Amino acid sequence: MFCTKCGTALVEGGGFCSGCGQRVSVPSVVAPAPGYASPPVLLRSPYAGFWLRFVAHLIDNAVVTFGLGIFVIGAIVILGVGFFRRMGRDIDNADGVIPVMAIGFILIAAAFLVAGTWLYYALMESSIHQGTLGKMALGLTVTDMQGRRVSFGRATGRFFAKMITGMIPFFIGYFMAGFTEKKQALHDMIVSCLVLRRV
């Protein structure tokens, strides 16, 4: 295991990183000192559970929706309100030009939405912050299995792996973050990632 702050290899059982001094939180049970009958103390798990991740997801959805709103307003300003009114009025035009333009606009908007969302997640999770704005607000970071910062490629893989997670009925792929050993959702397992709480 490595320090999530500086990347130094951690000594098993140590409470602090030898490189930067950051406190280390390990999911383990501490036995009472000899001569004391107090019960063992369970240290806080460093893994982010389902509900923390869900709230972070809501924040990120708000950010992405805001970005989409800016895109739509920009399109209206550039193309003009009249263009969209004409498109709506002439959608059944016999020459088929307006419907093709409408479909083209929808496809372009969808492509911008997917590309923008992908770049938002991949760039933020592979950055020095190691998380999106939602994760940063809740003190969460995305790491590899050794607690190190992920590359842009792995963050990209994690984003598109969410499509597979979303295909599992009843959101089970997401709910896995609540009951798996390391609180991993299906897309985390696919690309070997962890979502950790900052100590």
N, C-alpha and C. Protein backbone atom coordinates (compact mmCIF):
# COMPACT_ATOMS: atom_id res chain seq x y z
N MET A 1 0.85 -1.18 0.00
CA MET A 1 0.00 0.00 0.00
C MET A 1 0.89 1.24 0.00
N PHE A 2 0.40 2.30 -0.68
CA PHE A 2 1.19 3.52 -0.81
C PHE A 2 0.42 4.71 -0.25
N CYS A 3 1.16 5.71 0.18
CA CYS A 3 0.56 6.94 0.70
C CYS A 3 -0.21 7.63 -0.41
N THR A 4 -1.45 8.03 -0.14
CA THR A 4 -2.27 8.70 -1.15
C THR A 4 -1.83 10.14 -1.39
N LYS A 5 -0.97 10.67 -0.53
CA LYS A 5 -0.52 12.06 -0.68
C LYS A 5 0.79 12.16 -1.44
N CYS A 6 1.79 11.34 -1.05
CA CYS A 6 3.11 11.47 -1.69
C CYS A 6 3.57 10.22 -2.43
N GLY A 7 2.84 9.09 -2.28
CA GLY A 7 3.18 7.88 -3.01
C GLY A 7 4.23 7.00 -2.35
N THR A 8 4.69 7.34 -1.15
CA THR A 8 5.69 6.54 -0.45
C THR A 8 5.08 5.21 0.00
N ALA A 9 5.88 4.13 -0.11
CA ALA A 9 5.41 2.82 0.36
C ALA A 9 5.19 2.87 1.87
N LEU A 10 4.04 2.36 2.31
CA LEU A 10 3.69 2.42 3.73
C LEU A 10 4.16 1.18 4.47
N VAL A 11 4.60 1.38 5.69
CA VAL A 11 4.99 0.27 6.55
C VAL A 11 3.74 -0.34 7.15
N GLU A 12 3.61 -1.66 7.05
CA GLU A 12 2.42 -2.34 7.54
C GLU A 12 2.26 -2.09 9.04
N GLY A 13 1.07 -1.64 9.42
CA GLY A 13 0.79 -1.38 10.83
C GLY A 13 1.18 0.01 11.29
N GLY A 14 1.86 0.79 10.42
CA GLY A 14 2.26 2.14 10.79
C GLY A 14 1.09 3.09 10.77
N GLY A 15 1.12 4.09 11.65
CA GLY A 15 0.03 5.04 11.72
C GLY A 15 0.25 6.29 10.87
N PHE A 16 1.52 6.50 10.42
CA PHE A 16 1.85 7.69 9.65
C PHE A 16 2.76 7.34 8.50
N CYS A 17 2.69 8.13 7.42
CA CYS A 17 3.58 7.95 6.26
C CYS A 17 4.98 8.42 6.64
N SER A 18 5.99 7.62 6.31
CA SER A 18 7.37 8.00 6.63
C SER A 18 7.89 9.09 5.71
N GLY A 19 7.20 9.31 4.57
CA GLY A 19 7.65 10.32 3.62
C GLY A 19 7.15 11.72 3.93
N CYS A 20 5.83 11.83 4.20
CA CYS A 20 5.25 13.17 4.40
C CYS A 20 4.59 13.35 5.76
N GLY A 21 4.43 12.27 6.53
CA GLY A 21 3.86 12.37 7.86
C GLY A 21 2.35 12.32 7.91
N GLN A 22 1.70 12.11 6.75
CA GLN A 22 0.24 12.06 6.73
C GLN A 22 -0.25 10.85 7.53
N ARG A 23 -1.33 11.07 8.29
CA ARG A 23 -1.91 9.98 9.08
C ARG A 23 -2.46 8.92 8.13
N VAL A 24 -2.24 7.65 8.45
CA VAL A 24 -2.68 6.54 7.61
C VAL A 24 -3.87 5.88 8.27
N SER A 25 -4.95 5.72 7.50
CA SER A 25 -6.14 5.04 8.01
C SER A 25 -6.25 3.70 7.30
N VAL A 26 -6.13 2.62 8.04
CA VAL A 26 -6.16 1.28 7.46
C VAL A 26 -7.37 0.53 7.99
N PRO A 27 -8.13 -0.17 7.11
CA PRO A 27 -9.29 -0.91 7.59
C PRO A 27 -8.88 -2.17 8.35
N SER A 28 -8.60 -2.01 9.62
CA SER A 28 -8.19 -3.16 10.41
C SER A 28 -8.64 -2.98 11.85
N VAL A 29 -8.49 -4.03 12.63
CA VAL A 29 -8.89 -3.99 14.03
C VAL A 29 -7.65 -3.88 14.90
N VAL A 30 -7.67 -2.94 15.82
CA VAL A 30 -6.53 -2.75 16.72
C VAL A 30 -6.82 -3.47 18.03
N ALA A 31 -5.95 -4.39 18.41
CA ALA A 31 -6.13 -5.14 19.65
C ALA A 31 -5.79 -4.26 20.84
N PRO A 32 -6.40 -4.50 22.01
CA PRO A 32 -6.07 -3.71 23.20
C PRO A 32 -4.65 -3.97 23.66
N ALA A 33 -4.07 -2.98 24.33
CA ALA A 33 -2.72 -3.13 24.84
C ALA A 33 -2.69 -4.20 25.92
N PRO A 34 -1.54 -4.88 26.09
CA PRO A 34 -1.45 -5.93 27.12
C PRO A 34 -1.83 -5.39 28.49
N GLY A 35 -2.62 -6.16 29.23
CA GLY A 35 -3.04 -5.76 30.56
C GLY A 35 -4.34 -5.00 30.60
N TYR A 36 -4.88 -4.65 29.43
CA TYR A 36 -6.14 -3.93 29.36
C TYR A 36 -7.21 -4.84 28.79
N ALA A 37 -8.40 -4.75 29.35
CA ALA A 37 -9.49 -5.62 28.91
C ALA A 37 -10.46 -4.92 27.97
N SER A 38 -10.09 -3.71 27.52
CA SER A 38 -11.01 -2.97 26.64
C SER A 38 -11.15 -3.70 25.31
N PRO A 39 -12.33 -3.59 24.68
CA PRO A 39 -12.55 -4.29 23.40
C PRO A 39 -11.71 -3.67 22.30
N PRO A 40 -11.45 -4.42 21.22
CA PRO A 40 -10.68 -3.87 20.11
C PRO A 40 -11.41 -2.69 19.47
N VAL A 41 -10.63 -1.74 18.95
CA VAL A 41 -11.20 -0.55 18.32
C VAL A 41 -11.14 -0.71 16.81
N LEU A 42 -12.27 -0.50 16.14
CA LEU A 42 -12.31 -0.60 14.69
C LEU A 42 -11.96 0.75 14.08
N LEU A 43 -10.88 0.81 13.34
CA LEU A 43 -10.48 2.06 12.70
C LEU A 43 -11.39 2.33 11.50
N ARG A 44 -11.56 3.60 11.17
CA ARG A 44 -12.42 3.97 10.05
C ARG A 44 -11.85 3.46 8.73
N SER A 45 -12.71 2.86 7.92
CA SER A 45 -12.27 2.37 6.62
C SER A 45 -11.91 3.54 5.72
N PRO A 46 -10.82 3.41 4.93
CA PRO A 46 -10.46 4.50 4.02
C PRO A 46 -11.30 4.49 2.75
N TYR A 47 -12.10 3.44 2.54
CA TYR A 47 -12.89 3.32 1.32
C TYR A 47 -14.18 4.12 1.42
N ALA A 48 -14.53 4.80 0.33
CA ALA A 48 -15.75 5.59 0.28
C ALA A 48 -16.93 4.67 -0.04
N GLY A 49 -17.93 4.68 0.79
CA GLY A 49 -19.10 3.83 0.60
C GLY A 49 -20.09 4.38 -0.41
N PHE A 50 -21.20 3.67 -0.57
CA PHE A 50 -22.19 3.98 -1.59
C PHE A 50 -22.78 5.38 -1.42
N TRP A 51 -23.21 5.74 -0.21
CA TRP A 51 -23.93 6.99 -0.03
C TRP A 51 -23.07 8.22 -0.26
N LEU A 52 -21.81 8.17 0.18
CA LEU A 52 -20.90 9.28 -0.10
C LEU A 52 -20.72 9.46 -1.60
N ARG A 53 -20.55 8.35 -2.29
CA ARG A 53 -20.35 8.39 -3.74
C ARG A 53 -21.62 8.86 -4.45
N PHE A 54 -22.78 8.50 -3.90
CA PHE A 54 -24.04 8.90 -4.51
C PHE A 54 -24.23 10.42 -4.42
N VAL A 55 -23.91 10.99 -3.26
CA VAL A 55 -24.01 12.45 -3.11
C VAL A 55 -23.04 13.16 -4.04
N ALA A 56 -21.81 12.62 -4.15
CA ALA A 56 -20.82 13.20 -5.08
C ALA A 56 -21.35 13.14 -6.51
N HIS A 57 -22.02 12.05 -6.85
CA HIS A 57 -22.61 11.88 -8.19
C HIS A 57 -23.68 12.94 -8.45
N LEU A 58 -24.50 13.24 -7.45
CA LEU A 58 -25.53 14.26 -7.60
C LEU A 58 -24.90 15.63 -7.86
N ILE A 59 -23.83 15.94 -7.15
CA ILE A 59 -23.14 17.22 -7.35
C ILE A 59 -22.57 17.28 -8.77
N ASP A 60 -21.95 16.18 -9.21
CA ASP A 60 -21.38 16.16 -10.55
C ASP A 60 -22.45 16.25 -11.62
N ASN A 61 -23.60 15.64 -11.39
CA ASN A 61 -24.71 15.76 -12.35
C ASN A 61 -25.15 17.22 -12.48
N ALA A 62 -25.18 17.93 -11.34
CA ALA A 62 -25.55 19.34 -11.37
C ALA A 62 -24.53 20.15 -12.18
N VAL A 63 -23.24 19.82 -12.01
CA VAL A 63 -22.18 20.51 -12.75
C VAL A 63 -22.33 20.25 -14.25
N VAL A 64 -22.53 18.99 -14.63
CA VAL A 64 -22.66 18.63 -16.05
C VAL A 64 -23.92 19.26 -16.65
N THR A 65 -25.02 19.27 -15.90
CA THR A 65 -26.26 19.88 -16.38
C THR A 65 -26.07 21.38 -16.61
N PHE A 66 -25.34 22.03 -15.70
CA PHE A 66 -25.04 23.45 -15.86
C PHE A 66 -24.23 23.67 -17.14
N GLY A 67 -23.24 22.81 -17.37
CA GLY A 67 -22.43 22.91 -18.59
C GLY A 67 -23.26 22.72 -19.84
N LEU A 68 -24.19 21.76 -19.80
CA LEU A 68 -25.08 21.53 -20.93
C LEU A 68 -25.96 22.76 -21.17
N GLY A 69 -26.43 23.38 -20.08
CA GLY A 69 -27.24 24.58 -20.21
C GLY A 69 -26.48 25.70 -20.90
N ILE A 70 -25.20 25.85 -20.55
CA ILE A 70 -24.35 26.87 -21.19
C ILE A 70 -24.23 26.57 -22.69
N PHE A 71 -24.07 25.29 -23.04
CA PHE A 71 -23.97 24.88 -24.45
C PHE A 71 -25.24 25.23 -25.20
N VAL A 72 -26.41 24.93 -24.61
CA VAL A 72 -27.69 25.20 -25.27
C VAL A 72 -27.90 26.70 -25.46
N ILE A 73 -27.58 27.47 -24.41
CA ILE A 73 -27.72 28.93 -24.52
C ILE A 73 -26.79 29.48 -25.61
N GLY A 74 -25.57 28.94 -25.66
CA GLY A 74 -24.63 29.36 -26.71
C GLY A 74 -25.14 29.05 -28.10
N ALA A 75 -25.75 27.86 -28.26
CA ALA A 75 -26.30 27.47 -29.57
C ALA A 75 -27.44 28.39 -29.97
N ILE A 76 -28.28 28.75 -28.99
CA ILE A 76 -29.41 29.66 -29.27
C ILE A 76 -28.90 31.04 -29.68
N VAL A 77 -27.86 31.52 -29.00
CA VAL A 77 -27.30 32.83 -29.32
C VAL A 77 -26.68 32.83 -30.71
N ILE A 78 -25.96 31.75 -31.04
CA ILE A 78 -25.28 31.68 -32.34
C ILE A 78 -26.26 31.49 -33.49
N LEU A 79 -27.19 30.54 -33.32
CA LEU A 79 -28.11 30.21 -34.41
C LEU A 79 -29.35 31.09 -34.43
N GLY A 80 -29.70 31.66 -33.30
CA GLY A 80 -30.87 32.53 -33.23
C GLY A 80 -32.12 31.76 -32.83
N VAL A 81 -33.00 32.41 -32.09
CA VAL A 81 -34.24 31.79 -31.64
C VAL A 81 -35.11 31.41 -32.83
N GLY A 82 -35.08 32.25 -33.87
CA GLY A 82 -35.90 31.99 -35.06
C GLY A 82 -35.59 30.65 -35.71
N PHE A 83 -34.32 30.26 -35.69
CA PHE A 83 -33.92 28.97 -36.29
C PHE A 83 -34.65 27.81 -35.61
N PHE A 84 -34.70 27.83 -34.28
CA PHE A 84 -35.35 26.75 -33.55
C PHE A 84 -36.87 26.79 -33.69
N ARG A 85 -37.43 28.01 -33.77
CA ARG A 85 -38.87 28.11 -34.00
C ARG A 85 -39.24 27.55 -35.36
N ARG A 86 -38.44 27.92 -36.38
CA ARG A 86 -38.67 27.44 -37.74
C ARG A 86 -38.55 25.92 -37.78
N MET A 87 -37.56 25.40 -37.06
CA MET A 87 -37.34 23.96 -37.03
C MET A 87 -38.54 23.24 -36.42
N GLY A 88 -39.06 23.80 -35.33
CA GLY A 88 -40.23 23.19 -34.70
C GLY A 88 -41.47 23.28 -35.55
N ARG A 89 -41.65 24.42 -36.26
CA ARG A 89 -42.84 24.62 -37.08
C ARG A 89 -42.82 23.77 -38.34
N ASP A 90 -41.61 23.61 -38.91
CA ASP A 90 -41.49 22.92 -40.19
C ASP A 90 -40.95 21.50 -40.06
N ILE A 91 -41.11 20.91 -38.88
CA ILE A 91 -40.53 19.58 -38.64
C ILE A 91 -41.14 18.53 -39.57
N ASP A 92 -42.38 18.77 -40.02
CA ASP A 92 -43.04 17.83 -40.92
C ASP A 92 -42.98 18.28 -42.38
N ASN A 93 -42.06 19.16 -42.67
CA ASN A 93 -41.91 19.67 -44.03
C ASN A 93 -41.68 18.53 -45.01
N ALA A 94 -42.35 18.57 -46.13
CA ALA A 94 -42.30 17.47 -47.09
C ALA A 94 -40.93 17.30 -47.72
N ASP A 95 -40.16 18.38 -47.82
CA ASP A 95 -38.86 18.22 -48.49
C ASP A 95 -37.83 17.53 -47.61
N GLY A 96 -38.12 17.38 -46.35
CA GLY A 96 -37.25 16.58 -45.47
C GLY A 96 -36.00 17.28 -45.00
N VAL A 97 -35.79 18.55 -45.39
CA VAL A 97 -34.57 19.25 -45.01
C VAL A 97 -34.57 19.57 -43.52
N ILE A 98 -35.68 20.12 -43.02
CA ILE A 98 -35.76 20.52 -41.62
C ILE A 98 -35.61 19.32 -40.68
N PRO A 99 -36.32 18.19 -40.93
CA PRO A 99 -36.12 17.04 -40.04
C PRO A 99 -34.68 16.56 -40.01
N VAL A 100 -34.00 16.59 -41.16
CA VAL A 100 -32.59 16.18 -41.20
C VAL A 100 -31.75 17.14 -40.37
N MET A 101 -32.03 18.44 -40.48
CA MET A 101 -31.29 19.43 -39.69
C MET A 101 -31.53 19.22 -38.20
N ALA A 102 -32.78 18.90 -37.84
CA ALA A 102 -33.12 18.67 -36.43
C ALA A 102 -32.37 17.46 -35.89
N ILE A 103 -32.39 16.38 -36.67
CA ILE A 103 -31.68 15.16 -36.25
C ILE A 103 -30.19 15.44 -36.13
N GLY A 104 -29.65 16.19 -37.10
CA GLY A 104 -28.23 16.53 -37.07
C GLY A 104 -27.87 17.33 -35.83
N PHE A 105 -28.72 18.31 -35.49
CA PHE A 105 -28.47 19.13 -34.31
C PHE A 105 -28.51 18.28 -33.04
N ILE A 106 -29.48 17.38 -32.96
CA ILE A 106 -29.60 16.51 -31.78
C ILE A 106 -28.37 15.61 -31.64
N LEU A 107 -27.90 15.05 -32.77
CA LEU A 107 -26.71 14.20 -32.73
C LEU A 107 -25.47 14.98 -32.31
N ILE A 108 -25.33 16.20 -32.82
CA ILE A 108 -24.18 17.03 -32.44
C ILE A 108 -24.25 17.37 -30.95
N ALA A 109 -25.45 17.72 -30.48
CA ALA A 109 -25.61 18.04 -29.05
C ALA A 109 -25.28 16.83 -28.18
N ALA A 110 -25.72 15.63 -28.61
CA ALA A 110 -25.44 14.41 -27.85
C ALA A 110 -23.94 14.13 -27.83
N ALA A 111 -23.28 14.34 -28.97
CA ALA A 111 -21.83 14.11 -29.04
C ALA A 111 -21.08 15.07 -28.11
N PHE A 112 -21.51 16.34 -28.08
CA PHE A 112 -20.89 17.32 -27.18
C PHE A 112 -21.12 16.93 -25.73
N LEU A 113 -22.32 16.45 -25.43
CA LEU A 113 -22.64 16.06 -24.05
C LEU A 113 -21.76 14.91 -23.59
N VAL A 114 -21.65 13.86 -24.44
CA VAL A 114 -20.82 12.70 -24.09
C VAL A 114 -19.36 13.09 -23.97
N ALA A 115 -18.86 13.85 -24.96
CA ALA A 115 -17.45 14.26 -24.94
C ALA A 115 -17.15 15.16 -23.75
N GLY A 116 -18.05 16.10 -23.47
CA GLY A 116 -17.85 17.01 -22.34
C GLY A 116 -17.86 16.28 -21.01
N THR A 117 -18.81 15.34 -20.86
CA THR A 117 -18.90 14.58 -19.61
C THR A 117 -17.67 13.70 -19.44
N TRP A 118 -17.23 13.04 -20.53
CA TRP A 118 -16.04 12.19 -20.49
C TRP A 118 -14.82 13.00 -20.08
N LEU A 119 -14.61 14.15 -20.72
CA LEU A 119 -13.44 14.97 -20.40
C LEU A 119 -13.51 15.50 -18.97
N TYR A 120 -14.70 15.87 -18.52
CA TYR A 120 -14.85 16.35 -17.15
C TYR A 120 -14.38 15.28 -16.15
N TYR A 121 -14.90 14.06 -16.30
CA TYR A 121 -14.55 12.98 -15.36
C TYR A 121 -13.09 12.54 -15.53
N ALA A 122 -12.67 12.29 -16.76
CA ALA A 122 -11.32 11.75 -16.99
C ALA A 122 -10.23 12.75 -16.62
N LEU A 123 -10.41 14.01 -17.00
CA LEU A 123 -9.39 15.02 -16.67
C LEU A 123 -9.32 15.29 -15.18
N MET A 124 -10.48 15.40 -14.53
CA MET A 124 -10.49 15.71 -13.10
C MET A 124 -9.95 14.53 -12.27
N GLU A 125 -10.35 13.30 -12.62
CA GLU A 125 -9.93 12.14 -11.82
C GLU A 125 -8.46 11.78 -12.03
N SER A 126 -7.88 12.19 -13.17
CA SER A 126 -6.46 11.93 -13.40
C SER A 126 -5.59 13.14 -13.05
N SER A 127 -6.23 14.22 -12.59
CA SER A 127 -5.49 15.42 -12.23
C SER A 127 -4.89 15.29 -10.83
N ILE A 128 -4.22 16.33 -10.39
CA ILE A 128 -3.63 16.33 -9.05
C ILE A 128 -4.71 16.26 -7.97
N HIS A 129 -5.94 16.66 -8.30
CA HIS A 129 -7.04 16.60 -7.34
C HIS A 129 -7.59 15.19 -7.18
N GLN A 130 -7.38 14.33 -8.17
CA GLN A 130 -7.79 12.92 -8.16
C GLN A 130 -9.30 12.75 -7.96
N GLY A 131 -10.07 13.70 -8.41
CA GLY A 131 -11.51 13.56 -8.28
C GLY A 131 -12.26 14.71 -8.92
N THR A 132 -13.51 14.48 -9.22
CA THR A 132 -14.39 15.50 -9.78
C THR A 132 -14.73 16.52 -8.70
N LEU A 133 -15.46 17.56 -9.07
CA LEU A 133 -15.85 18.58 -8.10
C LEU A 133 -16.71 17.97 -6.99
N GLY A 134 -17.59 17.02 -7.35
CA GLY A 134 -18.41 16.35 -6.35
C GLY A 134 -17.57 15.56 -5.36
N LYS A 135 -16.59 14.83 -5.87
CA LYS A 135 -15.71 14.05 -5.00
C LYS A 135 -14.84 14.97 -4.14
N MET A 136 -14.35 16.04 -4.74
CA MET A 136 -13.52 16.98 -3.98
C MET A 136 -14.32 17.60 -2.83
N ALA A 137 -15.59 17.91 -3.08
CA ALA A 137 -16.43 18.52 -2.05
C ALA A 137 -16.61 17.60 -0.85
N LEU A 138 -16.57 16.28 -1.10
CA LEU A 138 -16.78 15.31 -0.02
C LEU A 138 -15.48 14.66 0.45
N GLY A 139 -14.35 15.14 -0.06
CA GLY A 139 -13.07 14.60 0.37
C GLY A 139 -12.78 13.21 -0.15
N LEU A 140 -13.18 12.92 -1.39
CA LEU A 140 -12.95 11.60 -1.99
C LEU A 140 -11.92 11.70 -3.09
N THR A 141 -11.17 10.61 -3.28
CA THR A 141 -10.18 10.56 -4.36
C THR A 141 -10.29 9.24 -5.10
N VAL A 142 -9.98 9.27 -6.40
CA VAL A 142 -9.93 8.06 -7.22
C VAL A 142 -8.47 7.65 -7.36
N THR A 143 -8.16 6.39 -7.03
CA THR A 143 -6.79 5.89 -7.10
C THR A 143 -6.75 4.53 -7.77
N ASP A 144 -5.53 4.05 -8.04
CA ASP A 144 -5.40 2.66 -8.47
C ASP A 144 -5.41 1.77 -7.23
N MET A 145 -5.16 0.50 -7.37
CA MET A 145 -5.26 -0.43 -6.24
C MET A 145 -4.17 -0.22 -5.19
N GLN A 146 -3.10 0.52 -5.54
CA GLN A 146 -2.04 0.83 -4.59
C GLN A 146 -2.19 2.23 -4.00
N GLY A 147 -3.30 2.89 -4.28
CA GLY A 147 -3.53 4.22 -3.73
C GLY A 147 -2.85 5.33 -4.49
N ARG A 148 -2.38 5.04 -5.72
CA ARG A 148 -1.69 6.06 -6.51
C ARG A 148 -2.64 6.75 -7.47
N ARG A 149 -2.24 7.91 -7.92
CA ARG A 149 -3.04 8.68 -8.89
C ARG A 149 -3.19 7.89 -10.18
N VAL A 150 -4.39 7.92 -10.77
CA VAL A 150 -4.63 7.17 -12.01
C VAL A 150 -4.24 8.01 -13.22
N SER A 151 -3.94 7.34 -14.32
CA SER A 151 -3.61 8.03 -15.56
C SER A 151 -4.89 8.47 -16.26
N PHE A 152 -4.74 9.33 -17.26
CA PHE A 152 -5.89 9.78 -18.04
C PHE A 152 -6.54 8.60 -18.75
N GLY A 153 -5.71 7.65 -19.23
CA GLY A 153 -6.24 6.46 -19.91
C GLY A 153 -7.10 5.61 -18.99
N ARG A 154 -6.63 5.42 -17.76
CA ARG A 154 -7.41 4.60 -16.82
C ARG A 154 -8.68 5.33 -16.40
N ALA A 155 -8.59 6.65 -16.21
CA ALA A 155 -9.77 7.43 -15.87
C ALA A 155 -10.79 7.38 -17.01
N THR A 156 -10.29 7.38 -18.26
CA THR A 156 -11.17 7.24 -19.42
C THR A 156 -11.84 5.87 -19.41
N GLY A 157 -11.07 4.83 -19.15
CA GLY A 157 -11.63 3.48 -19.07
C GLY A 157 -12.68 3.38 -17.99
N ARG A 158 -12.44 4.04 -16.86
CA ARG A 158 -13.41 4.01 -15.76
C ARG A 158 -14.72 4.69 -16.17
N PHE A 159 -14.61 5.81 -16.90
CA PHE A 159 -15.81 6.52 -17.34
C PHE A 159 -16.66 5.64 -18.26
N PHE A 160 -16.02 5.03 -19.27
CA PHE A 160 -16.79 4.24 -20.23
C PHE A 160 -17.22 2.89 -19.65
N ALA A 161 -16.50 2.41 -18.62
CA ALA A 161 -16.92 1.18 -17.94
C ALA A 161 -18.24 1.39 -17.20
N LYS A 162 -18.56 2.65 -16.89
CA LYS A 162 -19.84 2.94 -16.24
C LYS A 162 -21.02 2.56 -17.14
N MET A 163 -20.79 2.53 -18.45
CA MET A 163 -21.85 2.11 -19.37
C MET A 163 -22.20 0.65 -19.13
N ILE A 164 -21.17 -0.16 -18.85
CA ILE A 164 -21.41 -1.58 -18.53
C ILE A 164 -22.12 -1.69 -17.19
N THR A 165 -21.67 -0.89 -16.21
CA THR A 165 -22.32 -0.89 -14.90
C THR A 165 -23.79 -0.54 -15.03
N GLY A 166 -24.09 0.42 -15.89
CA GLY A 166 -25.46 0.85 -16.08
C GLY A 166 -26.35 -0.18 -16.75
N MET A 167 -25.74 -1.18 -17.41
CA MET A 167 -26.53 -2.21 -18.08
C MET A 167 -27.04 -3.28 -17.11
N ILE A 168 -26.46 -3.34 -15.93
CA ILE A 168 -26.89 -4.35 -14.94
C ILE A 168 -28.24 -3.91 -14.37
N PRO A 169 -29.23 -4.81 -14.37
CA PRO A 169 -30.57 -4.43 -13.89
C PRO A 169 -30.56 -3.94 -12.43
N PHE A 170 -31.51 -3.06 -12.13
CA PHE A 170 -31.77 -2.55 -10.78
C PHE A 170 -30.56 -1.82 -10.17
N PHE A 171 -29.67 -1.30 -11.01
CA PHE A 171 -28.50 -0.52 -10.56
C PHE A 171 -27.59 -1.32 -9.63
N ILE A 172 -27.61 -2.64 -9.76
CA ILE A 172 -26.79 -3.49 -8.88
C ILE A 172 -25.31 -3.17 -9.04
N GLY A 173 -24.89 -2.86 -10.28
CA GLY A 173 -23.48 -2.54 -10.52
C GLY A 173 -23.01 -1.36 -9.70
N TYR A 174 -23.91 -0.39 -9.45
CA TYR A 174 -23.58 0.76 -8.61
C TYR A 174 -23.71 0.42 -7.13
N PHE A 175 -24.75 -0.34 -6.78
CA PHE A 175 -24.97 -0.70 -5.38
C PHE A 175 -23.83 -1.56 -4.83
N MET A 176 -23.05 -2.19 -5.72
CA MET A 176 -21.91 -2.99 -5.27
C MET A 176 -20.94 -2.18 -4.41
N ALA A 177 -20.93 -0.85 -4.62
CA ALA A 177 -20.06 0.01 -3.82
C ALA A 177 -20.46 0.02 -2.35
N GLY A 178 -21.63 -0.51 -2.04
CA GLY A 178 -22.09 -0.55 -0.66
C GLY A 178 -21.75 -1.82 0.06
N PHE A 179 -21.46 -2.92 -0.68
CA PHE A 179 -21.26 -4.19 0.02
C PHE A 179 -20.01 -4.97 -0.39
N THR A 180 -19.25 -4.51 -1.38
CA THR A 180 -18.01 -5.22 -1.72
C THR A 180 -16.92 -4.87 -0.70
N GLU A 181 -15.92 -5.71 -0.62
CA GLU A 181 -14.88 -5.57 0.42
C GLU A 181 -14.21 -4.20 0.40
N LYS A 182 -13.86 -3.72 -0.80
CA LYS A 182 -13.18 -2.44 -0.92
C LYS A 182 -14.10 -1.34 -1.44
N LYS A 183 -15.42 -1.55 -1.27
CA LYS A 183 -16.43 -0.56 -1.68
C LYS A 183 -16.29 -0.18 -3.15
N GLN A 184 -16.05 -1.18 -3.98
CA GLN A 184 -15.90 -0.93 -5.41
C GLN A 184 -17.22 -1.18 -6.14
N ALA A 185 -17.58 -0.25 -7.02
CA ALA A 185 -18.67 -0.50 -7.96
C ALA A 185 -18.11 -1.36 -9.09
N LEU A 186 -18.99 -1.84 -9.97
CA LEU A 186 -18.54 -2.72 -11.04
C LEU A 186 -17.49 -2.05 -11.92
N HIS A 187 -17.68 -0.78 -12.26
CA HIS A 187 -16.71 -0.10 -13.13
C HIS A 187 -15.36 0.07 -12.45
N ASP A 188 -15.34 0.18 -11.12
CA ASP A 188 -14.06 0.24 -10.39
C ASP A 188 -13.32 -1.09 -10.52
N MET A 189 -14.06 -2.19 -10.41
CA MET A 189 -13.45 -3.52 -10.54
C MET A 189 -12.91 -3.75 -11.95
N ILE A 190 -13.64 -3.28 -12.95
CA ILE A 190 -13.23 -3.51 -14.34
C ILE A 190 -11.87 -2.87 -14.62
N VAL A 191 -11.64 -1.68 -14.09
CA VAL A 191 -10.38 -0.96 -14.38
C VAL A 191 -9.43 -0.94 -13.19
N SER A 192 -9.74 -1.71 -12.14
CA SER A 192 -8.89 -1.81 -10.94
C SER A 192 -8.64 -0.44 -10.31
N CYS A 193 -9.73 0.19 -9.86
CA CYS A 193 -9.64 1.48 -9.20
C CYS A 193 -10.30 1.40 -7.83
N LEU A 194 -9.94 2.37 -6.98
CA LEU A 194 -10.55 2.54 -5.66
C LEU A 194 -11.04 3.97 -5.54
N VAL A 195 -12.06 4.17 -4.73
CA VAL A 195 -12.47 5.52 -4.34
C VAL A 195 -12.25 5.61 -2.84
N LEU A 196 -11.33 6.48 -2.43
CA LEU A 196 -10.90 6.59 -1.04
C LEU A 196 -11.34 7.91 -0.43
N ARG A 197 -11.45 7.90 0.90
CA ARG A 197 -11.70 9.14 1.64
C ARG A 197 -10.36 9.72 2.06
N ARG A 198 -10.23 11.03 1.92
CA ARG A 198 -8.99 11.67 2.38
C ARG A 198 -8.92 11.60 3.90
N VAL A 199 -7.75 11.30 4.41
CA VAL A 199 -7.56 11.18 5.85
C VAL A 199 -7.42 12.57 6.45
